[in-house]
N, C-alpha and C. Protein backbone atom coordinates (compact mmCIF):
# COMPACT_ATOMS: atom_id res chain seq x y z
N MET A 1 9.39 -118.16 1.98
CA MET A 1 8.86 -118.47 3.33
C MET A 1 9.58 -117.39 4.32
N ARG A 2 8.76 -116.84 5.22
CA ARG A 2 9.34 -115.95 6.21
C ARG A 2 8.64 -116.11 7.53
N GLN A 3 9.36 -115.78 8.53
CA GLN A 3 8.81 -115.85 9.94
C GLN A 3 8.94 -114.53 10.64
N ASN A 4 8.01 -114.18 11.38
CA ASN A 4 8.13 -112.99 12.34
C ASN A 4 7.27 -113.12 13.49
N ILE A 5 7.59 -112.38 14.60
CA ILE A 5 6.84 -112.32 15.73
C ILE A 5 5.86 -111.09 15.54
N GLU A 6 4.60 -111.29 15.68
CA GLU A 6 3.54 -110.23 15.58
C GLU A 6 3.21 -109.93 17.01
N ILE A 7 3.37 -108.58 17.38
CA ILE A 7 2.91 -108.01 18.58
C ILE A 7 1.92 -106.98 18.25
N GLU A 8 0.73 -107.17 18.69
CA GLU A 8 -0.35 -106.23 18.42
C GLU A 8 -1.35 -106.12 19.50
N PHE A 9 -1.93 -104.87 19.67
CA PHE A 9 -2.97 -104.72 20.62
C PHE A 9 -4.20 -104.38 19.83
N LYS A 10 -5.31 -104.90 20.31
CA LYS A 10 -6.55 -104.71 19.54
C LYS A 10 -7.79 -104.48 20.43
N ASN A 11 -8.72 -103.76 19.82
CA ASN A 11 -9.90 -103.39 20.54
C ASN A 11 -11.11 -103.33 19.59
N ILE A 12 -12.21 -104.08 19.99
CA ILE A 12 -13.46 -103.98 19.17
C ILE A 12 -13.99 -102.52 19.30
N LEU A 13 -14.50 -101.97 18.22
CA LEU A 13 -15.05 -100.66 18.17
C LEU A 13 -16.61 -100.76 17.82
N THR A 14 -17.39 -99.77 18.31
CA THR A 14 -18.77 -99.64 17.68
C THR A 14 -18.54 -98.97 16.35
N LYS A 15 -19.61 -99.05 15.50
CA LYS A 15 -19.54 -98.38 14.24
C LYS A 15 -19.27 -96.91 14.41
N LYS A 16 -20.02 -96.28 15.33
CA LYS A 16 -19.84 -94.91 15.76
C LYS A 16 -18.35 -94.38 16.01
N GLU A 17 -17.69 -95.32 16.87
CA GLU A 17 -16.37 -95.11 17.24
C GLU A 17 -15.39 -95.15 16.03
N TYR A 18 -15.71 -96.28 15.19
CA TYR A 18 -14.94 -96.48 14.05
C TYR A 18 -14.95 -95.33 13.08
N VAL A 19 -16.19 -94.76 12.88
CA VAL A 19 -16.39 -93.56 11.94
C VAL A 19 -15.65 -92.29 12.57
N ARG A 20 -15.80 -92.16 13.92
CA ARG A 20 -15.17 -91.12 14.58
C ARG A 20 -13.59 -91.11 14.41
N LEU A 21 -12.95 -92.30 14.42
CA LEU A 21 -11.61 -92.46 14.21
C LEU A 21 -11.19 -92.17 12.77
N LEU A 22 -11.97 -92.68 11.80
CA LEU A 22 -11.72 -92.34 10.38
C LEU A 22 -11.66 -90.83 10.19
N ASN A 23 -12.66 -90.12 10.74
CA ASN A 23 -12.61 -88.71 10.74
C ASN A 23 -11.51 -88.00 11.51
N ALA A 24 -11.19 -88.56 12.61
CA ALA A 24 -10.07 -87.97 13.41
C ALA A 24 -8.70 -88.00 12.66
N PHE A 25 -8.54 -89.09 12.00
CA PHE A 25 -7.24 -89.28 11.30
C PHE A 25 -7.32 -88.86 9.88
N ASP A 26 -8.47 -88.28 9.48
CA ASP A 26 -8.71 -87.62 8.19
C ASP A 26 -8.50 -88.66 7.13
N ILE A 27 -9.07 -89.82 7.20
CA ILE A 27 -8.95 -90.93 6.18
C ILE A 27 -9.78 -90.71 5.04
N LYS A 28 -9.19 -90.78 3.86
CA LYS A 28 -9.93 -90.65 2.64
C LYS A 28 -10.35 -92.05 2.07
N GLU A 29 -11.32 -92.14 1.37
CA GLU A 29 -11.85 -93.37 0.75
C GLU A 29 -10.71 -94.19 0.13
N GLU A 30 -9.91 -93.40 -0.71
CA GLU A 30 -8.87 -94.10 -1.49
C GLU A 30 -7.74 -94.76 -0.66
N GLN A 31 -7.69 -94.44 0.76
CA GLN A 31 -6.73 -95.03 1.61
C GLN A 31 -7.18 -96.38 2.14
N ILE A 32 -8.43 -96.62 1.94
CA ILE A 32 -8.91 -97.94 2.44
C ILE A 32 -8.79 -98.98 1.35
N PHE A 33 -8.25 -100.17 1.83
CA PHE A 33 -8.03 -101.32 0.86
C PHE A 33 -8.72 -102.44 1.39
N SER A 34 -8.91 -103.39 0.57
CA SER A 34 -9.66 -104.69 0.98
C SER A 34 -8.66 -105.89 0.91
N HIS A 35 -8.91 -106.81 1.72
CA HIS A 35 -8.29 -108.07 1.53
C HIS A 35 -9.28 -109.20 2.07
N GLU A 36 -8.99 -110.47 1.54
CA GLU A 36 -9.92 -111.50 1.94
C GLU A 36 -9.06 -112.54 2.78
N ASN A 37 -9.59 -113.10 3.83
CA ASN A 37 -9.04 -114.19 4.55
C ASN A 37 -9.81 -115.41 4.48
N TYR A 38 -9.21 -116.45 3.97
CA TYR A 38 -9.84 -117.77 3.75
C TYR A 38 -9.25 -118.62 4.89
N TYR A 39 -10.10 -119.06 5.89
CA TYR A 39 -9.69 -119.85 7.02
C TYR A 39 -9.84 -121.36 6.85
N PHE A 40 -8.83 -122.03 7.48
CA PHE A 40 -8.80 -123.47 7.39
C PHE A 40 -8.49 -124.14 8.77
N ASP A 41 -9.09 -125.29 9.03
CA ASP A 41 -8.70 -126.09 10.20
C ASP A 41 -9.22 -127.47 9.90
N THR A 42 -9.06 -128.37 10.85
CA THR A 42 -9.58 -129.73 10.60
C THR A 42 -11.02 -129.67 11.13
N PRO A 43 -11.92 -130.60 10.71
CA PRO A 43 -13.34 -130.67 11.21
C PRO A 43 -13.37 -130.64 12.80
N ASP A 44 -12.36 -131.11 13.41
CA ASP A 44 -12.32 -131.13 14.90
C ASP A 44 -11.64 -129.96 15.57
N PHE A 45 -11.23 -128.99 14.71
CA PHE A 45 -10.56 -127.69 15.16
C PHE A 45 -9.20 -128.03 15.81
N ASP A 46 -8.48 -128.93 15.23
CA ASP A 46 -7.18 -129.35 15.81
C ASP A 46 -6.20 -128.23 15.94
N LEU A 47 -6.17 -127.32 14.96
CA LEU A 47 -5.29 -126.18 15.02
C LEU A 47 -5.64 -125.24 16.13
N LYS A 48 -7.02 -124.97 16.18
CA LYS A 48 -7.45 -124.07 17.27
C LYS A 48 -7.19 -124.60 18.66
N LYS A 49 -7.26 -125.96 18.78
CA LYS A 49 -7.01 -126.63 20.07
C LYS A 49 -5.58 -126.36 20.58
N VAL A 50 -4.62 -126.10 19.67
CA VAL A 50 -3.22 -125.78 19.98
C VAL A 50 -2.89 -124.37 19.93
N GLY A 51 -3.94 -123.58 19.83
CA GLY A 51 -3.73 -122.12 19.84
C GLY A 51 -3.28 -121.54 18.45
N SER A 52 -3.41 -122.35 17.48
CA SER A 52 -2.91 -121.91 16.18
C SER A 52 -4.04 -121.60 15.19
N ALA A 53 -3.66 -120.87 14.12
CA ALA A 53 -4.62 -120.55 13.03
C ALA A 53 -3.95 -120.53 11.58
N LEU A 54 -4.77 -121.03 10.63
CA LEU A 54 -4.29 -121.05 9.31
C LEU A 54 -5.10 -120.33 8.39
N ARG A 55 -4.59 -119.53 7.46
CA ARG A 55 -5.41 -118.79 6.62
C ARG A 55 -4.59 -118.48 5.27
N ILE A 56 -5.39 -118.43 4.32
CA ILE A 56 -4.84 -117.76 2.92
C ILE A 56 -5.44 -116.30 2.90
N ARG A 57 -4.45 -115.48 2.66
CA ARG A 57 -5.01 -114.06 2.46
C ARG A 57 -4.72 -113.69 1.01
N LYS A 58 -5.78 -113.08 0.42
CA LYS A 58 -5.73 -112.50 -0.88
C LYS A 58 -5.77 -110.95 -0.77
N LYS A 59 -4.53 -110.35 -1.23
CA LYS A 59 -4.44 -108.88 -1.14
C LYS A 59 -4.10 -108.42 -2.54
N LYS A 60 -4.92 -107.69 -3.11
CA LYS A 60 -4.85 -107.35 -4.61
C LYS A 60 -4.88 -108.69 -5.33
N GLU A 61 -3.97 -109.05 -6.13
CA GLU A 61 -3.98 -110.37 -6.78
C GLU A 61 -2.90 -111.36 -6.25
N CYS A 62 -2.39 -111.05 -5.05
CA CYS A 62 -1.47 -111.93 -4.42
C CYS A 62 -2.07 -112.74 -3.32
N PHE A 63 -1.48 -114.00 -3.23
CA PHE A 63 -2.10 -114.98 -2.14
C PHE A 63 -0.96 -115.35 -1.32
N GLU A 64 -1.13 -115.43 0.08
CA GLU A 64 -0.12 -115.83 1.11
C GLU A 64 -0.86 -116.87 1.96
N LEU A 65 -0.12 -117.94 2.25
CA LEU A 65 -0.67 -118.92 3.30
C LEU A 65 0.13 -118.58 4.60
N THR A 66 -0.60 -118.37 5.72
CA THR A 66 0.10 -117.98 6.86
C THR A 66 -0.51 -118.89 8.06
N LEU A 67 0.50 -119.39 8.84
CA LEU A 67 0.24 -120.10 10.10
C LEU A 67 0.65 -119.25 11.24
N LYS A 68 -0.31 -119.02 12.07
CA LYS A 68 -0.12 -118.24 13.33
C LYS A 68 -0.08 -119.19 14.55
N GLN A 69 1.01 -119.16 15.27
CA GLN A 69 1.15 -119.96 16.50
C GLN A 69 1.46 -119.09 17.80
N PRO A 70 1.18 -119.64 18.90
CA PRO A 70 1.59 -118.86 20.14
C PRO A 70 2.98 -118.79 20.29
N SER A 71 3.31 -117.63 20.87
CA SER A 71 4.73 -117.41 21.16
C SER A 71 4.88 -116.70 22.49
N ASN A 72 6.10 -116.55 23.09
CA ASN A 72 6.21 -116.00 24.42
C ASN A 72 5.55 -114.58 24.47
N LEU A 73 5.81 -113.84 23.41
CA LEU A 73 5.29 -112.48 23.37
C LEU A 73 4.67 -112.29 21.97
N GLY A 74 3.31 -112.31 21.88
CA GLY A 74 2.69 -112.12 20.58
C GLY A 74 2.50 -113.52 19.85
N LEU A 75 2.55 -113.52 18.58
CA LEU A 75 2.29 -114.69 17.75
C LEU A 75 3.38 -114.85 16.77
N LEU A 76 3.86 -116.10 16.57
CA LEU A 76 4.76 -116.49 15.53
C LEU A 76 3.93 -116.68 14.25
N GLU A 77 4.31 -115.87 13.21
CA GLU A 77 3.64 -116.06 11.95
C GLU A 77 4.72 -116.61 10.95
N THR A 78 4.25 -117.66 10.34
CA THR A 78 5.07 -118.34 9.24
C THR A 78 4.16 -118.16 7.94
N THR A 79 4.83 -117.54 6.92
CA THR A 79 4.12 -117.20 5.69
C THR A 79 4.88 -117.69 4.54
N GLN A 80 4.10 -118.28 3.57
CA GLN A 80 4.58 -118.66 2.26
C GLN A 80 3.72 -118.12 1.16
N THR A 81 4.41 -117.59 0.18
CA THR A 81 3.62 -117.11 -0.98
C THR A 81 3.11 -118.22 -1.84
N LEU A 82 1.79 -118.09 -2.31
CA LEU A 82 1.12 -119.01 -3.15
C LEU A 82 0.87 -118.50 -4.57
N THR A 83 0.80 -119.37 -5.47
CA THR A 83 0.30 -118.95 -6.80
C THR A 83 -1.23 -118.91 -6.71
N SER A 84 -1.95 -118.26 -7.76
CA SER A 84 -3.35 -118.26 -7.63
C SER A 84 -3.92 -119.72 -7.77
N ASP A 85 -3.29 -120.53 -8.59
CA ASP A 85 -3.68 -121.95 -8.74
C ASP A 85 -3.61 -122.68 -7.43
N GLU A 86 -2.58 -122.51 -6.69
CA GLU A 86 -2.42 -123.15 -5.40
C GLU A 86 -3.47 -122.67 -4.38
N ALA A 87 -3.78 -121.44 -4.36
CA ALA A 87 -4.86 -120.89 -3.55
C ALA A 87 -6.23 -121.45 -3.93
N ILE A 88 -6.49 -121.56 -5.24
CA ILE A 88 -7.68 -122.23 -5.73
C ILE A 88 -7.85 -123.63 -5.37
N GLN A 89 -6.84 -124.40 -5.49
CA GLN A 89 -6.69 -125.75 -5.12
C GLN A 89 -7.06 -125.94 -3.61
N ALA A 90 -6.49 -125.05 -2.77
CA ALA A 90 -6.75 -125.11 -1.36
C ALA A 90 -8.21 -124.76 -0.99
N ILE A 91 -8.73 -123.65 -1.55
CA ILE A 91 -10.07 -123.20 -1.23
C ILE A 91 -11.13 -124.05 -1.78
N GLN A 92 -10.99 -124.47 -3.01
CA GLN A 92 -12.05 -125.12 -3.69
C GLN A 92 -12.02 -126.72 -3.56
N TYR A 93 -10.69 -127.22 -3.32
CA TYR A 93 -10.56 -128.62 -3.29
C TYR A 93 -9.91 -129.18 -2.00
N ASN A 94 -9.69 -128.32 -1.01
CA ASN A 94 -8.93 -128.75 0.26
C ASN A 94 -7.62 -129.36 -0.03
N GLN A 95 -6.90 -128.90 -1.05
CA GLN A 95 -5.57 -129.47 -1.39
C GLN A 95 -4.57 -128.38 -1.05
N LEU A 96 -4.12 -128.34 0.16
CA LEU A 96 -3.14 -127.29 0.54
C LEU A 96 -1.80 -127.61 0.04
N PRO A 97 -1.02 -126.59 -0.30
CA PRO A 97 0.38 -126.82 -0.90
C PRO A 97 1.33 -127.24 0.16
N SER A 98 2.44 -128.07 -0.35
CA SER A 98 3.42 -128.47 0.53
C SER A 98 4.34 -127.33 0.79
N GLY A 99 5.30 -127.48 1.81
CA GLY A 99 6.23 -126.52 2.18
C GLY A 99 6.41 -126.37 3.64
N LYS A 100 7.09 -125.35 4.22
CA LYS A 100 7.42 -125.28 5.61
C LYS A 100 6.20 -125.35 6.48
N ILE A 101 5.02 -124.72 6.04
CA ILE A 101 3.84 -124.80 6.91
C ILE A 101 3.36 -126.18 7.06
N LYS A 102 3.32 -126.86 5.96
CA LYS A 102 2.89 -128.33 6.09
C LYS A 102 3.92 -129.02 7.11
N ASP A 103 5.15 -128.81 7.02
CA ASP A 103 6.05 -129.40 7.93
C ASP A 103 5.71 -129.12 9.35
N ILE A 104 5.54 -127.81 9.68
CA ILE A 104 5.26 -127.38 11.05
C ILE A 104 3.96 -128.05 11.58
N ILE A 105 2.93 -128.04 10.73
CA ILE A 105 1.57 -128.70 11.23
C ILE A 105 1.82 -130.13 11.41
N GLU A 106 2.51 -130.84 10.59
CA GLU A 106 2.65 -132.31 10.80
C GLU A 106 3.51 -132.44 12.06
N GLU A 107 4.49 -131.64 12.46
CA GLU A 107 5.20 -131.76 13.67
C GLU A 107 4.40 -131.64 14.87
N LEU A 108 3.24 -130.96 14.70
CA LEU A 108 2.17 -130.82 15.81
C LEU A 108 1.21 -132.03 15.84
N ASN A 109 1.60 -133.15 15.09
CA ASN A 109 0.84 -134.26 14.92
C ASN A 109 -0.62 -134.07 14.51
N ILE A 110 -0.78 -133.07 13.59
CA ILE A 110 -2.04 -132.81 12.96
C ILE A 110 -1.90 -133.20 11.50
N PRO A 111 -2.69 -134.19 11.03
CA PRO A 111 -2.54 -134.63 9.67
C PRO A 111 -2.94 -133.47 8.66
N TYR A 112 -1.96 -133.14 7.80
CA TYR A 112 -2.20 -132.00 6.94
C TYR A 112 -3.40 -132.23 5.99
N SER A 113 -3.53 -133.49 5.65
CA SER A 113 -4.61 -133.87 4.61
C SER A 113 -6.03 -133.84 5.37
N ASN A 114 -6.08 -133.59 6.65
CA ASN A 114 -7.40 -133.41 7.30
C ASN A 114 -7.92 -131.98 7.39
N ILE A 115 -6.95 -131.07 6.93
CA ILE A 115 -7.33 -129.65 6.96
C ILE A 115 -8.33 -129.27 5.89
N VAL A 116 -9.40 -128.62 6.16
CA VAL A 116 -10.46 -128.26 5.19
C VAL A 116 -10.73 -126.75 5.25
N TYR A 117 -11.33 -126.19 4.14
CA TYR A 117 -11.64 -124.81 4.13
C TYR A 117 -12.85 -124.53 5.00
N PHE A 118 -12.82 -123.43 5.86
CA PHE A 118 -13.94 -123.12 6.73
C PHE A 118 -14.83 -121.94 6.27
N GLY A 119 -14.21 -120.98 5.64
CA GLY A 119 -15.00 -119.94 5.18
C GLY A 119 -14.13 -118.59 5.00
N LEU A 120 -14.90 -117.58 4.59
CA LEU A 120 -14.29 -116.36 4.18
C LEU A 120 -14.60 -115.17 5.14
N LEU A 121 -13.54 -114.34 5.43
CA LEU A 121 -13.71 -113.10 6.15
C LEU A 121 -13.16 -111.96 5.27
N LYS A 122 -13.94 -111.01 4.96
CA LYS A 122 -13.43 -109.89 4.18
C LYS A 122 -13.25 -108.65 5.07
N THR A 123 -12.17 -107.94 4.79
CA THR A 123 -11.82 -106.74 5.55
C THR A 123 -11.53 -105.59 4.74
N ASN A 124 -12.11 -104.46 5.13
CA ASN A 124 -11.65 -103.16 4.53
C ASN A 124 -10.83 -102.52 5.64
N ARG A 125 -9.54 -102.15 5.17
CA ARG A 125 -8.48 -101.80 6.15
C ARG A 125 -7.94 -100.48 5.79
N VAL A 126 -7.50 -99.63 6.76
CA VAL A 126 -6.58 -98.53 6.62
C VAL A 126 -5.45 -98.63 7.57
N GLU A 127 -4.37 -98.29 7.02
CA GLU A 127 -3.11 -98.37 7.89
C GLU A 127 -2.50 -96.99 8.08
N ILE A 128 -2.05 -96.67 9.29
CA ILE A 128 -1.56 -95.34 9.57
C ILE A 128 -0.31 -95.49 10.39
N ASN A 129 0.76 -94.82 10.04
CA ASN A 129 2.00 -94.84 10.86
C ASN A 129 1.58 -93.99 12.03
N TYR A 130 1.85 -94.62 13.24
CA TYR A 130 1.43 -93.83 14.38
C TYR A 130 2.47 -94.00 15.58
N LEU A 131 3.19 -93.07 15.93
CA LEU A 131 4.27 -93.02 16.84
C LEU A 131 5.26 -94.16 16.43
N ASN A 132 5.57 -95.10 17.28
CA ASN A 132 6.49 -96.20 16.83
C ASN A 132 5.90 -97.51 16.33
N GLY A 133 4.60 -97.36 15.87
CA GLY A 133 3.89 -98.56 15.45
C GLY A 133 2.98 -98.28 14.13
N LEU A 134 2.23 -99.28 13.85
CA LEU A 134 1.33 -99.22 12.67
C LEU A 134 -0.09 -99.30 13.25
N LEU A 135 -0.88 -98.21 13.12
CA LEU A 135 -2.31 -98.22 13.62
C LEU A 135 -3.14 -98.75 12.39
N VAL A 136 -4.01 -99.64 12.69
CA VAL A 136 -4.94 -100.29 11.70
C VAL A 136 -6.40 -100.14 12.20
N LEU A 137 -7.20 -99.70 11.25
CA LEU A 137 -8.64 -99.65 11.40
C LEU A 137 -9.21 -100.57 10.43
N ASP A 138 -10.03 -101.59 10.98
CA ASP A 138 -10.63 -102.65 10.15
C ASP A 138 -12.18 -102.69 10.25
N TYR A 139 -12.77 -102.85 9.12
CA TYR A 139 -14.30 -103.24 9.01
C TYR A 139 -14.26 -104.56 8.43
N SER A 140 -14.76 -105.61 9.16
CA SER A 140 -14.78 -106.87 8.68
C SER A 140 -16.23 -107.42 8.53
N SER A 141 -16.39 -108.20 7.52
CA SER A 141 -17.70 -109.01 7.41
C SER A 141 -17.43 -110.53 7.15
N TYR A 142 -18.29 -111.39 7.76
CA TYR A 142 -18.02 -112.79 7.66
C TYR A 142 -19.33 -113.52 8.22
N LEU A 143 -19.72 -114.53 7.52
CA LEU A 143 -20.83 -115.27 7.97
C LEU A 143 -22.07 -114.57 8.47
N GLY A 144 -22.42 -113.51 7.68
CA GLY A 144 -23.63 -112.73 8.07
C GLY A 144 -23.45 -111.69 9.17
N LYS A 145 -22.24 -111.57 9.65
CA LYS A 145 -21.91 -110.65 10.74
C LYS A 145 -20.91 -109.55 10.33
N GLU A 146 -20.97 -108.36 10.87
CA GLU A 146 -19.86 -107.44 10.64
C GLU A 146 -19.30 -106.92 12.03
N ASP A 147 -18.11 -106.54 12.01
CA ASP A 147 -17.52 -105.83 13.19
C ASP A 147 -16.45 -104.84 12.81
N PHE A 148 -16.07 -103.98 13.80
CA PHE A 148 -15.15 -102.90 13.62
C PHE A 148 -14.07 -103.06 14.68
N GLU A 149 -12.80 -102.75 14.34
CA GLU A 149 -11.70 -103.02 15.18
C GLU A 149 -10.63 -102.03 15.00
N ILE A 150 -9.94 -101.59 16.13
CA ILE A 150 -8.66 -100.95 15.95
C ILE A 150 -7.49 -101.77 16.50
N GLU A 151 -6.35 -101.69 15.80
CA GLU A 151 -5.12 -102.51 16.19
C GLU A 151 -3.94 -101.69 16.11
N LEU A 152 -3.04 -101.91 17.08
CA LEU A 152 -1.71 -101.28 17.01
C LEU A 152 -0.66 -102.33 16.87
N GLU A 153 0.11 -102.37 15.85
CA GLU A 153 1.16 -103.38 15.68
C GLU A 153 2.46 -102.64 15.98
N VAL A 154 3.23 -103.30 16.89
CA VAL A 154 4.53 -102.74 17.38
C VAL A 154 5.62 -103.74 17.48
N ASP A 155 6.83 -103.17 17.68
CA ASP A 155 7.99 -104.06 17.90
C ASP A 155 8.24 -104.30 19.43
N ASN A 156 7.86 -103.30 20.26
CA ASN A 156 8.18 -103.26 21.70
C ASN A 156 6.80 -103.46 22.40
N TYR A 157 6.69 -104.52 23.11
CA TYR A 157 5.42 -104.83 23.89
C TYR A 157 5.06 -103.80 24.84
N SER A 158 5.92 -103.42 25.78
CA SER A 158 5.46 -102.56 26.88
C SER A 158 5.31 -101.14 26.38
N GLU A 159 6.10 -100.65 25.44
CA GLU A 159 5.91 -99.28 24.86
C GLU A 159 4.56 -99.33 24.14
N GLY A 160 4.37 -100.29 23.28
CA GLY A 160 3.07 -100.40 22.48
C GLY A 160 1.81 -100.53 23.36
N LYS A 161 1.87 -101.18 24.49
CA LYS A 161 0.82 -101.28 25.45
C LYS A 161 0.40 -99.91 26.05
N GLU A 162 1.38 -99.12 26.34
CA GLU A 162 1.20 -97.78 26.87
C GLU A 162 0.57 -96.88 25.82
N ILE A 163 1.28 -96.92 24.61
CA ILE A 163 0.63 -96.06 23.56
C ILE A 163 -0.79 -96.38 23.22
N PHE A 164 -1.03 -97.65 23.14
CA PHE A 164 -2.44 -98.05 22.88
C PHE A 164 -3.45 -97.62 23.91
N LYS A 165 -3.02 -97.81 25.16
CA LYS A 165 -3.89 -97.38 26.30
C LYS A 165 -4.18 -95.87 26.25
N LYS A 166 -3.20 -95.06 26.05
CA LYS A 166 -3.36 -93.56 25.93
C LYS A 166 -4.20 -93.22 24.73
N LEU A 167 -4.03 -93.89 23.56
CA LEU A 167 -4.83 -93.64 22.41
C LEU A 167 -6.39 -93.91 22.71
N LEU A 168 -6.62 -95.03 23.25
CA LEU A 168 -8.09 -95.22 23.57
C LEU A 168 -8.64 -94.35 24.62
N GLN A 169 -7.85 -93.96 25.64
CA GLN A 169 -8.26 -92.94 26.51
C GLN A 169 -8.52 -91.55 25.94
N TYR A 170 -7.62 -91.16 25.03
CA TYR A 170 -7.86 -89.95 24.33
C TYR A 170 -9.09 -89.80 23.51
N TYR A 171 -9.45 -90.95 22.91
CA TYR A 171 -10.63 -90.94 22.06
C TYR A 171 -11.89 -91.45 22.80
N GLU A 172 -11.66 -91.63 24.16
CA GLU A 172 -12.88 -92.07 25.08
C GLU A 172 -13.40 -93.43 24.60
N ILE A 173 -12.58 -94.29 24.24
CA ILE A 173 -12.98 -95.58 23.81
C ILE A 173 -12.67 -96.55 24.93
N PRO A 174 -13.72 -97.33 25.44
CA PRO A 174 -13.45 -98.25 26.61
C PRO A 174 -12.70 -99.38 26.06
N LEU A 175 -11.80 -99.86 26.97
CA LEU A 175 -10.99 -101.10 26.62
C LEU A 175 -11.88 -102.26 26.68
N ARG A 176 -11.93 -103.04 25.64
CA ARG A 176 -12.83 -104.25 25.62
C ARG A 176 -12.05 -105.48 25.35
N LYS A 177 -12.43 -106.56 26.01
CA LYS A 177 -11.73 -107.74 25.69
C LYS A 177 -12.00 -108.16 24.31
N THR A 178 -10.93 -108.33 23.46
CA THR A 178 -11.17 -108.54 22.11
C THR A 178 -10.32 -109.78 21.55
N GLU A 179 -11.17 -110.69 21.06
CA GLU A 179 -10.51 -111.89 20.46
C GLU A 179 -9.97 -111.51 19.07
N ASN A 180 -9.09 -112.34 18.51
CA ASN A 180 -8.69 -111.95 17.17
C ASN A 180 -9.66 -112.46 16.16
N LYS A 181 -9.42 -112.06 14.89
CA LYS A 181 -10.45 -112.26 13.90
C LYS A 181 -10.78 -113.66 13.68
N ILE A 182 -9.83 -114.60 13.65
CA ILE A 182 -10.22 -115.98 13.40
C ILE A 182 -11.04 -116.53 14.55
N GLN A 183 -10.74 -116.09 15.85
CA GLN A 183 -11.63 -116.58 17.04
C GLN A 183 -13.04 -115.96 16.73
N ARG A 184 -13.18 -114.71 16.40
CA ARG A 184 -14.59 -114.21 16.16
C ARG A 184 -15.20 -114.97 14.98
N PHE A 185 -14.40 -115.29 14.02
CA PHE A 185 -15.04 -116.09 12.91
C PHE A 185 -15.53 -117.33 13.41
N TYR A 186 -14.66 -118.18 14.11
CA TYR A 186 -15.03 -119.40 14.65
C TYR A 186 -16.18 -119.38 15.58
N ASN A 187 -16.32 -118.33 16.38
CA ASN A 187 -17.46 -118.23 17.24
C ASN A 187 -18.71 -118.05 16.49
N GLN A 188 -18.74 -117.17 15.43
CA GLN A 188 -19.87 -117.03 14.52
C GLN A 188 -20.19 -118.28 13.79
N LYS A 189 -19.22 -119.08 13.29
CA LYS A 189 -19.41 -120.29 12.69
C LYS A 189 -20.07 -121.30 13.61
N TYR A 190 -19.67 -121.39 14.83
CA TYR A 190 -20.19 -122.27 15.75
C TYR A 190 -21.67 -121.84 16.08
N GLN A 191 -21.92 -120.67 16.24
CA GLN A 191 -23.35 -120.13 16.52
C GLN A 191 -24.22 -120.44 15.40
N LYS A 192 -23.71 -120.21 14.28
CA LYS A 192 -24.51 -120.51 12.92
C LYS A 192 -24.83 -122.07 12.88
N GLY A 193 -23.81 -122.83 13.25
CA GLY A 193 -23.87 -124.28 13.29
C GLY A 193 -25.01 -124.73 14.21
N LYS A 194 -25.12 -124.09 15.46
CA LYS A 194 -26.08 -124.44 16.42
C LYS A 194 -27.41 -124.17 16.02
N THR A 195 -27.57 -123.05 15.25
CA THR A 195 -28.99 -122.60 14.85
C THR A 195 -29.43 -123.19 13.50
N SER A 196 -28.55 -123.76 12.76
CA SER A 196 -28.98 -124.35 11.49
C SER A 196 -29.37 -125.83 11.55
C-alpha cells in the first residue's frame, strides 16, 4: 500500500492537436503503451458524491486498486497491488479485496459491499519528461466514445501551472475546462443510461 498527492494539470485536445503534439515531441509508436482502467462505485454514486473515485488499473500484467480522494492541493491517491485473481473477483463478481482502501471507504460510511463494477476505459499513453514534470499524452476509449488529452504531472503546483500554461500557448492550444477521466466516463455512462 502506498499513498501520494497527485498534482496534475490537464486539457482536452482535438485529434488534430493530439497528432500535432505526437509529431512535435517526435513520438514513435513503440513509446506508446496501453493500460485499462476498471471503474467502481455504488449504484447511487456514493464515492462520486464525496469527490472520490475507485479504479483497478491493469498495466502490462500487473493490477493496482487505487482510491482517489480530494486533498488541499491535488488528489490523495491510495494504491494497493492486487493479484490477477483479486482483480478478476472484483471485476467479474463485485468482490473487492480487503485492505487499507476498504478501511478508508468504510470510514466514509460507504458500505464496501455495495460497490459494483461500472465499466472499462482503455488508454493509449505516452510519457515524456518535461522540464520539472511528466508530460502525458492520452488517447482514451470508453462506452463508445473516444477523447484525447494532455496532462502535466508535477510536484510544485504554482511552477507546474505556469509551465502548463506556457506549453499550451506555445502550441496554440486553447485552455479548456477538463474533467478527469472518471468524470468523463461517468458523464458518458449517464448519457447512455438516459438514451437506452
